[in-house]
């Protein structure tokens, strides 16, 4: 009987000791629930701005109508013109994006020379014409780009665009010296008022983009642009006679070098982590 009482007492003491030890243990609670970060309000939308310089050329000039005029040699050149552009776009994923842009291409002075030949009164007239003008454009394009991977924050890209261009030719003058080899030369002068023409435009792009911050990317880009044709107003001679014809600038193209900035609306989302577990005692 005495041994049974001792066994019961020992069991009770062991139970009380276990309960006291458990009371001293820290409470283990499940980790708190953390809500995921809210989606960005603007997704992959971005704004862009560009400025740069153009190096332009034309395939030829179409002279106003003269039935038997033959151009023996034609030279055309443009001075460098400034480029200023803005746009809005969307980054769909790590490699594909698209944007729409508006671009003003400032005045580029034009210089041209045309050596001509045409029959007149039984003789062959030879002469030359020296041309000058200025040209500007307003261009709207829809563009797509492929980003080709990123190394040390630098991303090469390629792209293409299509849209429309408003080509304006102004301050056009034509100073001509025409005549026969036997009877000397006869100088002439003609000018034309400003005129604009809308035409199809397209472009090919390439360049390097550098991500300065999560929201700001700087681009150094090159574009080949085809801007269509441009025309002058009606040509008027020095005597005030209107020829009712215009000079056409055929196939205006340009090699553009630009520096641009893209600002992404999408901000970096915070990373949620549970606090460290703190034990008592």
Protein backbone atom coordinates (compact mmCIF):
# COMPACT_ATOMS: atom_id res chain seq x y z
CA UNK A 1 0.00 0.00 0.00
CA UNK A 2 2.85 2.27 0.89
CA UNK A 3 4.54 1.58 -2.48
CA UNK A 4 1.38 2.52 -4.40
CA UNK A 5 1.19 5.87 -2.60
CA UNK A 6 4.83 6.56 -3.43
CA UNK A 7 4.26 5.75 -7.12
CA UNK A 8 1.23 8.08 -7.29
CA UNK A 9 3.14 10.85 -5.58
CA UNK A 10 6.07 10.48 -7.96
CA UNK A 11 3.76 10.60 -11.00
CA UNK A 12 2.04 13.74 -9.72
CA UNK A 13 5.37 15.45 -9.10
CA UNK A 14 6.57 14.58 -12.61
CA UNK A 15 3.37 15.99 -14.16
CA UNK A 16 3.65 19.24 -12.20
CA UNK A 17 7.31 19.59 -13.20
CA UNK A 18 6.42 19.11 -16.92
CA UNK A 19 3.67 21.72 -16.72
CA UNK A 20 6.01 24.21 -15.06
CA UNK A 21 8.68 23.66 -17.76
CA UNK A 22 6.09 24.10 -20.51
CA UNK A 23 4.98 27.39 -18.96
CA UNK A 24 8.55 28.68 -19.25
CA UNK A 25 8.78 27.82 -23.01
CA UNK A 26 8.17 30.69 -25.50
CA UNK A 27 4.89 30.67 -27.35
CA UNK A 28 5.35 29.57 -30.98
CA UNK A 29 2.84 31.36 -33.17
CA UNK A 30 2.31 30.86 -36.91
CA UNK A 31 3.99 33.44 -39.12
CA UNK A 32 1.79 36.47 -39.90
CA UNK A 33 0.03 36.66 -43.24
CA UNK A 34 1.42 39.32 -45.61
CA UNK A 35 -0.69 40.65 -48.44
CA UNK A 36 1.01 40.77 -51.86
CA UNK A 37 2.18 44.14 -53.14
CA UNK A 38 -0.51 46.10 -55.01
CA UNK A 39 -0.12 46.19 -58.79
CA UNK A 40 1.42 49.33 -60.29
CA UNK A 41 -1.18 51.87 -61.34
CA UNK A 42 0.34 52.43 -64.80
CA UNK A 43 1.67 48.97 -65.69
CA UNK A 44 4.48 49.34 -68.25
CA UNK A 45 3.62 52.82 -69.53
CA UNK A 46 6.45 55.25 -70.22
CA UNK A 47 7.07 58.73 -71.61
CA UNK A 48 10.00 59.56 -73.87
CA UNK A 49 11.84 62.58 -75.20
CA UNK A 50 14.55 62.77 -77.88
CA UNK A 51 16.81 65.29 -79.54
CA UNK A 52 19.46 64.88 -82.20
CA UNK A 53 20.68 65.73 -85.68
CA UNK A 54 19.81 64.70 -89.23
CA UNK A 55 21.94 63.98 -92.29
CA UNK A 56 19.47 64.22 -95.20
CA UNK A 57 19.49 63.57 -98.93
CA UNK A 58 17.11 63.18 -101.89
CA UNK A 59 17.26 60.83 -104.86
CA UNK A 60 16.63 63.64 -107.38
CA UNK A 61 14.77 66.84 -108.15
CA UNK A 62 11.99 66.80 -110.72
CA UNK A 63 12.13 70.06 -112.65
CA UNK A 64 8.98 71.89 -113.66
CA UNK A 65 7.75 70.98 -117.13
CA UNK A 66 9.94 71.76 -120.08
CA UNK A 67 9.33 69.32 -122.98
CA UNK A 68 12.93 68.68 -124.05
CA UNK A 69 14.90 69.48 -120.90
CA UNK A 70 17.68 67.00 -120.18
CA UNK A 71 19.58 67.01 -116.90
CA UNK A 72 23.20 66.13 -117.57
CA UNK A 73 24.36 66.20 -113.96
CA UNK A 74 22.60 66.89 -110.68
CA UNK A 75 24.12 67.57 -107.27
CA UNK A 76 22.12 67.93 -104.06
CA UNK A 77 23.12 68.44 -100.45
CA UNK A 78 21.57 69.46 -97.12
CA UNK A 79 23.03 71.10 -94.05
CA UNK A 80 22.53 69.34 -90.73
CA UNK A 81 19.15 69.94 -89.08
CA UNK A 82 17.98 69.57 -85.49
CA UNK A 83 15.50 66.89 -84.35
CA UNK A 84 13.14 67.16 -81.36
CA UNK A 85 10.65 64.43 -80.43
CA UNK A 86 8.24 63.27 -77.72
CA UNK A 87 6.24 60.08 -77.33
CA UNK A 88 4.35 57.66 -75.11
CA UNK A 89 4.79 53.89 -75.07
CA UNK A 90 4.24 50.60 -73.24
CA UNK A 91 6.77 47.96 -72.15
CA UNK A 92 4.95 44.63 -72.60
CA UNK A 93 7.73 42.39 -71.22
CA UNK A 94 11.51 42.20 -70.97
CA UNK A 95 12.02 42.16 -74.73
CA UNK A 96 9.04 43.82 -76.47
CA UNK A 97 7.79 47.42 -76.33
CA UNK A 98 5.96 49.88 -78.56
CA UNK A 99 5.35 53.63 -78.70
CA UNK A 100 3.90 56.46 -80.75
CA UNK A 101 6.05 59.52 -81.38
CA UNK A 102 5.73 63.05 -82.72
CA UNK A 103 8.87 64.62 -84.14
CA UNK A 104 9.72 68.10 -85.36
CA UNK A 105 12.68 68.21 -87.72
CA UNK A 106 14.04 71.74 -87.92
CA UNK A 107 15.04 73.68 -91.02
CA UNK A 108 17.88 72.15 -93.03
CA UNK A 109 19.30 74.37 -95.76
CA UNK A 110 19.41 72.86 -99.25
CA UNK A 111 22.02 73.50 -101.97
CA UNK A 112 21.79 72.07 -105.49
CA UNK A 113 23.31 72.40 -108.96
CA UNK A 114 21.83 71.13 -112.23
CA UNK A 115 23.70 71.04 -115.56
CA UNK A 116 21.11 71.04 -118.35
CA UNK A 117 20.79 70.63 -122.08
CA UNK A 118 17.83 71.20 -124.42
CA UNK A 119 17.28 71.94 -128.13
CA UNK A 120 15.98 75.38 -129.00
CA UNK A 121 15.70 77.06 -132.45
CA UNK A 122 17.87 74.45 -134.09
CA UNK A 123 20.73 74.64 -131.58
CA UNK A 124 21.53 72.80 -128.37
CA UNK A 125 21.23 75.05 -125.35
CA UNK A 126 23.55 74.25 -122.45
CA UNK A 127 23.41 75.85 -119.08
CA UNK A 128 23.33 75.45 -115.33
CA UNK A 129 20.94 76.13 -112.48
CA UNK A 130 21.89 76.77 -108.87
CA UNK A 131 19.18 76.08 -106.30
CA UNK A 132 18.73 76.93 -102.64
CA UNK A 133 15.90 76.26 -100.22
CA UNK A 134 15.16 75.17 -96.67
CA UNK A 135 13.22 72.09 -95.59
CA UNK A 136 11.50 70.99 -92.38
CA UNK A 137 9.22 68.11 -91.39
CA UNK A 138 6.60 67.15 -88.83
CA UNK A 139 6.60 63.36 -88.44
CA UNK A 140 4.20 61.00 -86.63
CA UNK A 141 5.22 57.33 -86.23
CA UNK A 142 3.99 54.15 -84.55
CA UNK A 143 7.05 52.12 -83.53
CA UNK A 144 7.82 48.63 -82.20
CA UNK A 145 11.10 47.52 -80.63
CA UNK A 146 12.83 44.29 -79.64
CA UNK A 147 15.20 44.55 -76.67
CA UNK A 148 18.00 42.04 -77.19
CA UNK A 149 19.04 41.31 -73.61
CA UNK A 150 20.79 43.32 -70.91
CA UNK A 151 24.46 43.27 -69.93
CA UNK A 152 25.76 45.58 -67.15
CA UNK A 153 22.53 47.63 -67.42
CA UNK A 154 23.06 48.16 -71.20
CA UNK A 155 20.39 46.85 -73.58
CA UNK A 156 20.87 46.85 -77.38
CA UNK A 157 17.64 47.12 -79.36
CA UNK A 158 16.26 47.14 -82.89
CA UNK A 159 12.95 48.51 -84.13
CA UNK A 160 10.81 49.79 -86.97
CA UNK A 161 8.14 52.44 -87.40
CA UNK A 162 5.55 53.62 -89.91
CA UNK A 163 3.45 56.74 -90.12
CA UNK A 164 3.20 60.04 -91.97
CA UNK A 165 5.35 63.12 -92.58
CA UNK A 166 4.42 66.70 -93.44
CA UNK A 167 7.31 67.93 -95.59
CA UNK A 168 7.65 71.70 -96.02
CA UNK A 169 9.89 73.38 -98.64
CA UNK A 170 10.40 77.13 -98.24
CA UNK A 171 12.58 79.99 -99.58
CA UNK A 172 13.21 78.19 -102.87
CA UNK A 173 15.26 80.06 -105.50
CA UNK A 174 16.61 79.02 -108.91
CA UNK A 175 19.41 81.04 -110.49
CA UNK A 176 20.01 79.83 -114.04
CA UNK A 177 22.57 80.62 -116.72
CA UNK A 178 21.39 79.33 -120.11
CA UNK A 179 22.54 80.01 -123.66
CA UNK A 180 24.35 78.71 -126.70
CA UNK A 181 28.06 78.29 -127.22
CA UNK A 182 27.87 80.84 -130.07
CA UNK A 183 25.83 83.70 -128.66
CA UNK A 184 26.85 83.98 -125.01
CA UNK A 185 24.67 83.40 -121.94
CA UNK A 186 21.36 84.68 -120.64
CA UNK A 187 20.90 84.74 -116.82
CA UNK A 188 17.56 83.87 -115.25
CA UNK A 189 15.98 83.86 -111.80
CA UNK A 190 12.93 82.09 -110.42
CA UNK A 191 11.54 81.60 -106.92
CA UNK A 192 8.70 79.73 -105.26
CA UNK A 193 6.50 80.22 -102.24
CA UNK A 194 6.48 77.76 -99.34
CA UNK A 195 4.46 74.58 -99.72
CA UNK A 196 3.81 71.44 -97.67
CA UNK A 197 3.00 67.86 -98.63
CA UNK A 198 1.85 64.92 -96.49
CA UNK A 199 3.41 61.60 -97.45
CA UNK A 200 4.02 58.09 -96.10
CA UNK A 201 6.98 57.84 -93.73
CA UNK A 202 8.80 54.83 -92.32
CA UNK A 203 11.89 54.24 -90.21
CA UNK A 204 14.35 51.60 -89.01
CA UNK A 205 15.86 52.00 -85.52
CA UNK A 206 18.78 50.60 -83.55
CA UNK A 207 20.75 51.70 -80.53
CA UNK A 208 21.81 51.13 -76.94
CA UNK A 209 19.71 51.78 -73.83
CA UNK A 210 21.23 52.27 -70.36
CA UNK A 211 19.04 51.89 -67.27
CA UNK A 212 20.12 54.68 -64.90
CA UNK A 213 17.45 54.01 -62.24
CA UNK A 214 14.46 51.63 -62.09
CA UNK A 215 12.39 54.41 -63.69
CA UNK A 216 14.85 56.23 -66.00
CA UNK A 217 16.53 54.83 -69.12
CA UNK A 218 18.86 56.77 -71.43
CA UNK A 219 19.11 55.84 -75.13
CA UNK A 220 21.74 56.51 -77.77
CA UNK A 221 19.97 55.71 -81.04
CA UNK A 222 20.32 55.70 -84.80
CA UNK A 223 17.40 55.84 -87.25
CA UNK A 224 17.16 55.56 -91.00
CA UNK A 225 14.15 57.63 -92.10
CA UNK A 226 12.26 57.71 -95.40
CA UNK A 227 9.99 60.76 -95.45
CA UNK A 228 8.50 60.59 -98.96
CA UNK A 229 8.44 63.60 -101.31
CA UNK A 230 8.35 67.37 -100.87
CA UNK A 231 7.22 70.10 -103.27
CA UNK A 232 7.68 73.84 -103.64
CA UNK A 233 4.98 76.32 -104.44
CA UNK A 234 4.44 77.51 -108.03
CA UNK A 235 7.61 78.88 -109.60
CA UNK A 236 7.62 82.58 -110.54
CA UNK A 237 10.26 84.17 -112.81
CA UNK A 238 12.04 87.46 -112.11
CA UNK A 239 9.56 89.11 -114.49
CA UNK A 240 6.63 87.95 -112.36
CA UNK A 241 5.53 85.21 -114.77
CA UNK A 242 4.07 82.18 -112.99
CA UNK A 243 5.08 78.85 -114.50
CA UNK A 244 2.26 77.00 -112.68
CA UNK A 245 4.78 74.25 -112.04
CA UNK A 246 6.62 73.18 -108.90
CA UNK A 247 9.94 71.60 -108.08
CA UNK A 248 9.60 68.15 -106.51
CA UNK A 249 12.12 66.79 -104.01
CA UNK A 250 11.95 63.01 -104.56
CA UNK A 251 12.52 60.37 -101.86
CA UNK A 252 13.71 62.42 -98.89
CA UNK A 253 15.81 60.18 -96.64
CA UNK A 254 17.85 60.84 -93.52
CA UNK A 255 20.40 59.24 -91.22
CA UNK A 256 19.56 60.41 -87.70
CA UNK A 257 21.61 60.29 -84.51
CA UNK A 258 19.61 60.90 -81.32
CA UNK A 259 19.93 60.97 -77.55
CA UNK A 260 16.73 60.08 -75.70
CA UNK A 261 15.31 59.52 -72.22
CA UNK A 262 12.52 57.13 -71.22
CA UNK A 263 10.68 57.61 -67.94
CA UNK A 264 8.75 54.56 -66.75
CA UNK A 265 5.65 55.10 -64.60
CA UNK A 266 6.03 51.66 -63.02
CA UNK A 267 7.75 51.93 -59.62
CA UNK A 268 9.71 49.24 -57.83
CA UNK A 269 7.43 47.11 -55.65
CA UNK A 270 8.48 46.50 -52.00
CA UNK A 271 9.65 43.04 -51.00
CA UNK A 272 7.77 41.70 -47.97
CA UNK A 273 9.65 39.52 -45.46
CA UNK A 274 8.48 38.21 -42.04
CA UNK A 275 10.21 39.66 -38.95
CA UNK A 276 12.85 37.52 -37.23
CA UNK A 277 11.67 35.08 -34.53
CA UNK A 278 12.44 36.38 -31.03
CA UNK A 279 12.74 33.83 -28.21
CA UNK A 280 12.18 34.63 -24.55
CA UNK A 281 14.88 34.28 -21.92
